[in-house]
Structure formats: C-alpha cells, structure tokens
Amino acid sequence: MRLLVVAGEGILPGEVVKGARSQGYDVVVFNFSKKPIEAPQVFNFKIEDAGKALSTMETLSPDEAVMVGKVEHKIVFSSLFTKPSLLPLVRRLKGKKPMEILKTIGEIIEERGVKLVSPLKFVPHLVFPRGELVGRFSQQELKEISRAYSLAKELARMDIGQAIAWKEGAVVAVEAMEGTDRMIRRAGELVKDFTVVKVSRPSQDLRYDLPVVGPSTLEAMAEAGGKNLVFEAGKTIFLNPELSLDFARRRRIKIISWEEPENE
C-alpha cells in the first residue's frame, strides 16, 4: 500500500510518516512546510504549486492519502490565492472557512481515485482516553470544565475556532485565525490562572483538522500564566506526550483529557 502524506508545518507530519512506515506502508511525502521531512520519497512544494502536486500524485498513484500539519489560514486572504495555478481550487470554494477549504482539497484528491484517511490511523499512541494526566481536579473544577467544554464545542460547531481560555465562568479569549498558542498569550495579557479548553468540531470528520496540543501549547501557557489544559479525549493528538507531561509537572500546569459523562 502506498500512502501519500500531504504535510504542513509542525512535528506531526513526521510522526505520521513514522507510524505509517511501521505499519508497512510505502510512504511518499508532499512537503508544503519550510522544514525537511525524513521519508523514502519527498517532493517539496509551495502552496502555489498545487497543480503540479496533483499531476505528480496522479503519476505516483497512491492508494491512500492523509493531510496533516499546520497551514496558516491567513494565506487564503493573501496574494497567493490570486495566482493562476490556484484558480481551479479557488473557483470550487464555497467560502474561506478552514473546513470548507480542507474538504474541497480532500474532494479533489478523492476524485483522482485516492482514498483520504485520518492521521489517527497512524498515531494511535498520541490519542488519550478520558482521565487526569497531570494533577487532580476538584469537583468544582470539573463542573467549570464541563461548562467551558460545552461552550467551546458550540464555537467549534460554528467553525470559529477550536479553543477558548476560561476563568471562573467567563470566556477570556476565543481562538480564531491566529491559532491556539497566540490565543493563549492574548489571554495572558488579560488574566492569570486561566484554563485552556481545546476541542474537536461536533460530528468531526476525523480526516480533517484534528485538534492538536503539545509542547508549544504548554510553553505558551507557562509564559501567559495558564494553569489548566483541557483537551477532548479520543479526538485530540497530544504531541510528544512524555516531554509535554514532564514540562507540565515542572511548571505546575494540570492536564485532563475530557469527555462529557454519558449520564450528563
């Protein structure tokens, strides 16, 4: 089986490559990031090379493809999206929300006979069930988490963002185009000892834009004065978990992988 990894920024694409190779896949990477990725076969592209990438994909004939890694959403408002090479994509877009863009790209890939799959398939060790990972949460804290989680899920449903900062029943900051880490730092300019809640979209298509937390999330929290990290169980990728958990313990940041109890 040949897997095409369409890679954005960050360390997650490399983890997916390693996981896929350990499962016996012949891995080819289309690298749209600025950093090199180790794989048997790597093609480096820029965003404006999308047409060339599709032609290359047809030549390689992969069985499956996975889209993974960060791409700055703000590029949809840049001059890049006026380039002739991207016009076939731009014409198909119904809007410029992240999911609309990702699903359009996924449709274009699958129209060429390649099955789009979830990155979770290749990194199951980076997904956690419900439970406290660092520290212990009081019943009052769990009640607050439940309230904040519900609100974060509603904002995610509207495709505004996948994270909020929360303190004592109040929303301090909402993630939008700037991303989670910048949202955390913005929250720290307003208050300290806040909680960060990161969720997936309701009815999340697991092939697209899964929530990701990890070292950079916790570093931003340590700088900004965040005290609790809450992320959705079973659908959030937790990068470098050993390093992240050790950092959180040292900086006294509590972490819980959360899902609503069935009786609630």
Protein backbone atom coordinates (compact mmCIF):
# COMPACT_ATOMS: atom_id res chain seq x y z
CA MET A 1 0.00 0.00 0.00
CA ARG A 2 1.30 3.41 -0.94
CA LEU A 3 0.45 6.36 1.31
CA LEU A 4 0.72 10.00 0.28
CA VAL A 5 1.37 12.32 3.23
CA VAL A 6 0.42 15.90 2.38
CA ALA A 7 2.49 17.69 5.02
CA GLY A 8 2.13 21.14 6.53
CA GLU A 9 4.16 22.69 9.33
CA GLY A 10 4.96 21.13 12.69
CA ILE A 11 6.21 17.80 14.00
CA LEU A 12 3.01 15.83 13.44
CA PRO A 13 3.71 15.00 9.75
CA GLY A 14 6.95 13.31 10.77
CA GLU A 15 5.11 11.28 13.41
CA VAL A 16 2.56 10.17 10.82
CA VAL A 17 5.35 9.13 8.44
CA LYS A 18 7.00 7.03 11.15
CA GLY A 19 3.69 5.45 12.14
CA ALA A 20 2.76 4.61 8.55
CA ARG A 21 6.14 3.08 7.80
CA SER A 22 5.91 0.94 10.95
CA GLN A 23 2.58 -0.35 9.56
CA GLY A 24 4.26 -1.40 6.31
CA TYR A 25 3.19 1.48 4.07
CA ASP A 26 5.29 2.72 1.17
CA VAL A 27 5.30 6.42 2.10
CA VAL A 28 5.59 9.39 -0.23
CA VAL A 29 5.57 12.92 1.19
CA PHE A 30 4.41 16.11 -0.47
CA ASN A 31 6.12 18.61 1.81
CA PHE A 32 4.49 22.05 1.89
CA SER A 33 6.41 23.12 5.00
CA LYS A 34 9.66 25.03 5.28
CA LYS A 35 11.38 22.23 7.20
CA PRO A 36 12.69 18.93 5.78
CA ILE A 37 10.87 15.69 6.50
CA GLU A 38 12.54 12.30 6.59
CA ALA A 39 10.84 9.80 4.30
CA PRO A 40 11.85 7.42 1.50
CA GLN A 41 10.48 9.80 -1.13
CA VAL A 42 9.87 13.51 -0.58
CA PHE A 43 8.64 16.16 -3.01
CA ASN A 44 8.92 19.75 -1.83
CA PHE A 45 6.20 22.13 -2.97
CA LYS A 46 4.95 25.63 -2.28
CA ILE A 47 1.23 26.34 -1.87
CA GLU A 48 1.09 27.81 -5.36
CA ASP A 49 2.43 24.50 -6.75
CA ALA A 50 -0.90 22.75 -6.08
CA GLY A 51 -1.50 21.95 -9.75
CA LYS A 52 1.97 20.45 -10.12
CA ALA A 53 1.43 18.43 -6.93
CA LEU A 54 -1.81 16.95 -8.31
CA SER A 55 -0.07 15.95 -11.53
CA THR A 56 2.71 14.31 -9.53
CA MET A 57 0.15 12.48 -7.38
CA GLU A 58 -1.50 11.03 -10.49
CA THR A 59 1.89 9.76 -11.65
CA LEU A 60 2.64 8.13 -8.29
CA SER A 61 -0.82 6.52 -7.93
CA PRO A 62 -1.01 6.28 -4.12
CA ASP A 63 -3.73 4.10 -2.58
CA GLU A 64 -4.41 6.43 0.34
CA ALA A 65 -3.61 9.99 1.33
CA VAL A 66 -3.52 11.86 4.63
CA MET A 67 -3.45 15.62 5.15
CA VAL A 68 -1.58 16.57 8.29
CA GLY A 69 0.28 19.55 9.75
CA LYS A 70 -0.43 23.22 10.14
CA VAL A 71 -1.08 25.66 7.32
CA GLU A 72 -1.72 29.27 8.29
CA HIS A 73 -5.34 30.05 7.48
CA LYS A 74 -4.49 33.68 6.76
CA ILE A 75 -2.94 32.68 3.42
CA VAL A 76 -6.45 32.49 1.93
CA PHE A 77 -6.50 36.29 2.12
CA SER A 78 -3.03 36.71 0.64
CA SER A 79 -1.93 37.31 -2.92
CA LEU A 80 -1.16 33.57 -3.19
CA PHE A 81 -4.84 32.85 -3.74
CA THR A 82 -4.89 35.07 -6.81
CA LYS A 83 -2.24 33.03 -8.63
CA PRO A 84 -3.46 31.27 -11.80
CA SER A 85 -2.22 27.89 -10.54
CA LEU A 86 -4.71 28.03 -7.64
CA LEU A 87 -7.74 29.19 -9.63
CA PRO A 88 -9.19 25.66 -10.03
CA LEU A 89 -9.27 25.37 -6.22
CA VAL A 90 -10.48 28.93 -5.61
CA ARG A 91 -13.39 28.55 -8.05
CA ARG A 92 -14.67 25.49 -6.14
CA LEU A 93 -14.62 27.11 -2.71
CA LYS A 94 -17.99 27.97 -1.17
CA GLY A 95 -16.28 30.13 1.42
CA LYS A 96 -12.98 30.66 3.21
CA LYS A 97 -13.60 28.83 6.48
CA PRO A 98 -10.92 26.24 7.30
CA MET A 99 -13.19 23.20 6.91
CA GLU A 100 -14.57 24.42 3.58
CA ILE A 101 -11.04 24.73 2.21
CA LEU A 102 -9.84 21.38 3.59
CA LYS A 103 -12.89 19.49 2.37
CA THR A 104 -12.52 20.98 -1.10
CA ILE A 105 -8.91 19.81 -1.24
CA GLY A 106 -9.98 16.38 0.04
CA GLU A 107 -12.65 16.12 -2.67
CA ILE A 108 -10.10 16.97 -5.35
CA ILE A 109 -7.78 14.23 -4.06
CA GLU A 110 -10.52 11.59 -3.88
CA GLU A 111 -11.81 12.47 -7.36
CA ARG A 112 -8.48 11.14 -8.58
CA GLY A 113 -9.09 7.73 -7.05
CA VAL A 114 -7.11 8.19 -3.83
CA LYS A 115 -8.80 7.39 -0.52
CA LEU A 116 -8.39 10.12 2.09
CA VAL A 117 -7.81 8.71 5.60
CA SER A 118 -7.42 10.08 9.12
CA PRO A 119 -4.00 10.74 10.67
CA LEU A 120 -5.30 8.97 13.79
CA LYS A 121 -4.80 5.71 11.91
CA PHE A 122 -1.04 6.18 12.11
CA VAL A 123 -0.55 7.77 15.55
CA PRO A 124 -2.92 5.94 17.94
CA HIS A 125 -0.31 6.28 20.71
CA LEU A 126 -0.79 10.07 20.65
CA VAL A 127 -4.51 9.90 21.49
CA PHE A 128 -5.66 9.62 25.11
CA PRO A 129 -8.87 8.37 26.75
CA ARG A 130 -10.65 10.42 29.39
CA GLY A 131 -8.58 10.95 32.52
CA GLU A 132 -6.41 13.24 34.59
CA LEU A 133 -2.88 13.25 33.18
CA VAL A 134 -1.21 15.79 35.48
CA GLY A 135 -2.61 16.87 38.84
CA ARG A 136 -6.02 16.30 40.38
CA PHE A 137 -9.12 18.34 39.65
CA SER A 138 -11.71 19.20 42.30
CA GLN A 139 -15.42 18.66 41.74
CA GLN A 140 -15.86 22.40 41.33
CA GLU A 141 -13.14 22.50 38.70
CA LEU A 142 -14.78 19.61 36.84
CA LYS A 143 -18.09 21.49 36.82
CA GLU A 144 -16.32 24.53 35.37
CA ILE A 145 -14.62 22.34 32.78
CA SER A 146 -17.98 20.90 31.72
CA ARG A 147 -19.41 24.40 31.22
CA ALA A 148 -16.37 25.63 29.31
CA TYR A 149 -16.23 22.47 27.20
CA SER A 150 -19.85 22.83 26.11
CA LEU A 151 -19.28 26.43 25.04
CA ALA A 152 -16.06 25.54 23.21
CA LYS A 153 -17.90 22.79 21.30
CA GLU A 154 -20.55 25.27 20.20
CA LEU A 155 -17.94 27.73 18.93
CA ALA A 156 -16.21 24.85 17.12
CA ARG A 157 -19.54 23.87 15.55
CA MET A 158 -19.72 27.36 14.05
CA ASP A 159 -16.16 26.91 12.71
CA ILE A 160 -14.89 29.91 14.65
CA GLY A 161 -12.07 28.09 16.40
CA GLN A 162 -11.30 25.00 18.46
CA ALA A 163 -10.10 26.54 21.72
CA ILE A 164 -11.07 29.02 24.39
CA ALA A 165 -9.46 30.46 27.51
CA TRP A 166 -11.79 30.38 30.52
CA LYS A 167 -11.71 31.65 34.09
CA GLU A 168 -14.38 31.49 36.80
CA GLY A 169 -17.32 31.23 34.43
CA ALA A 170 -16.07 33.83 31.98
CA VAL A 171 -14.61 33.47 28.48
CA VAL A 172 -11.29 35.28 28.47
CA ALA A 173 -10.33 34.65 24.83
CA VAL A 174 -11.58 32.73 21.81
CA GLU A 175 -9.35 31.14 19.20
CA ALA A 176 -9.88 32.28 15.64
CA MET A 177 -7.48 32.58 12.73
CA GLU A 178 -4.43 33.31 14.89
CA GLY A 179 -4.28 29.78 16.35
CA THR A 180 -4.26 28.37 19.87
CA ASP A 181 -0.82 29.50 21.04
CA ARG A 182 -1.41 33.13 20.14
CA MET A 183 -4.86 32.99 21.73
CA ILE A 184 -3.26 31.72 24.94
CA ARG A 185 -0.75 34.55 25.01
CA ARG A 186 -3.54 37.06 24.36
CA ALA A 187 -5.48 35.62 27.31
CA GLY A 188 -2.41 36.05 29.49
CA GLU A 189 -2.43 39.78 28.80
CA LEU A 190 -5.83 39.95 30.49
CA VAL A 191 -5.76 37.45 33.38
CA LYS A 192 -3.66 34.75 35.02
CA ASP A 193 -4.51 31.25 36.27
CA PHE A 194 -6.90 30.55 33.40
CA THR A 195 -7.98 27.27 31.81
CA VAL A 196 -7.42 26.40 28.15
CA VAL A 197 -10.04 24.13 26.56
CA LYS A 198 -9.29 22.54 23.18
CA VAL A 199 -11.99 20.55 21.36
CA SER A 200 -12.90 18.98 18.04
CA ARG A 201 -15.85 20.10 15.99
CA PRO A 202 -19.14 18.32 16.75
CA SER A 203 -19.50 15.48 14.20
CA GLN A 204 -15.80 15.97 13.44
CA ASP A 205 -14.63 14.37 10.22
CA LEU A 206 -11.52 12.66 11.57
CA ARG A 207 -9.71 13.13 8.27
CA TYR A 208 -9.54 16.91 8.65
CA ASP A 209 -8.01 19.41 11.04
CA LEU A 210 -7.99 17.41 14.25
CA PRO A 211 -7.19 19.38 17.40
CA VAL A 212 -3.54 19.14 18.40
CA VAL A 213 -1.83 20.07 21.68
CA GLY A 214 1.73 19.58 22.82
CA PRO A 215 4.93 21.29 23.90
CA SER A 216 4.19 24.62 22.21
CA THR A 217 0.73 24.75 23.84
CA LEU A 218 2.22 24.23 27.28
CA GLU A 219 5.08 26.65 26.68
CA ALA A 220 2.56 29.32 25.72
CA MET A 221 0.55 28.57 28.87
CA ALA A 222 3.62 28.78 31.07
CA GLU A 223 4.53 32.15 29.57
CA ALA A 224 0.99 33.50 29.79
CA GLY A 225 0.02 32.20 33.23
CA GLY A 226 -2.39 29.41 32.27
CA LYS A 227 -2.96 26.78 34.95
CA ASN A 228 -5.15 24.05 33.41
CA LEU A 229 -5.18 22.38 29.99
CA VAL A 230 -8.31 20.51 28.94
CA PHE A 231 -8.46 18.65 25.64
CA GLU A 232 -11.05 16.35 24.11
CA ALA A 233 -10.49 12.65 24.73
CA GLY A 234 -10.20 10.32 21.76
CA LYS A 235 -10.04 13.05 19.10
CA THR A 236 -7.07 15.21 20.14
CA ILE A 237 -3.49 14.48 19.14
CA PHE A 238 -1.11 15.04 22.07
CA LEU A 239 2.35 15.61 20.65
CA ASN A 240 5.50 14.50 22.50
CA PRO A 241 3.43 13.30 25.47
CA GLU A 242 6.34 12.33 27.72
CA LEU A 243 8.11 15.66 27.20
CA SER A 244 4.84 17.56 27.50
CA LEU A 245 3.75 15.85 30.71
CA ASP A 246 7.16 16.35 32.31
CA PHE A 247 7.10 20.04 31.38
CA ALA A 248 3.59 20.43 32.80
CA ARG A 249 4.59 18.82 36.10
CA ARG A 250 7.58 21.12 36.44
CA ARG A 251 5.52 24.21 35.64
CA ARG A 252 2.55 23.07 37.75
CA ILE A 253 0.09 23.03 34.87
CA LYS A 254 -2.69 20.48 35.35
CA ILE A 255 -3.89 18.47 32.33
CA ILE A 256 -7.04 16.47 31.78
CA SER A 257 -8.28 14.58 28.74
CA TRP A 258 -12.02 15.23 28.80
CA GLU A 259 -15.32 13.96 27.50
CA GLU A 260 -18.77 14.50 28.92
CA PRO A 261 -20.01 11.61 31.11
CA GLU A 262 -22.72 9.56 29.42
CA ASN A 263 -25.28 10.43 32.11
CA GLU A 264 -24.87 14.18 31.53
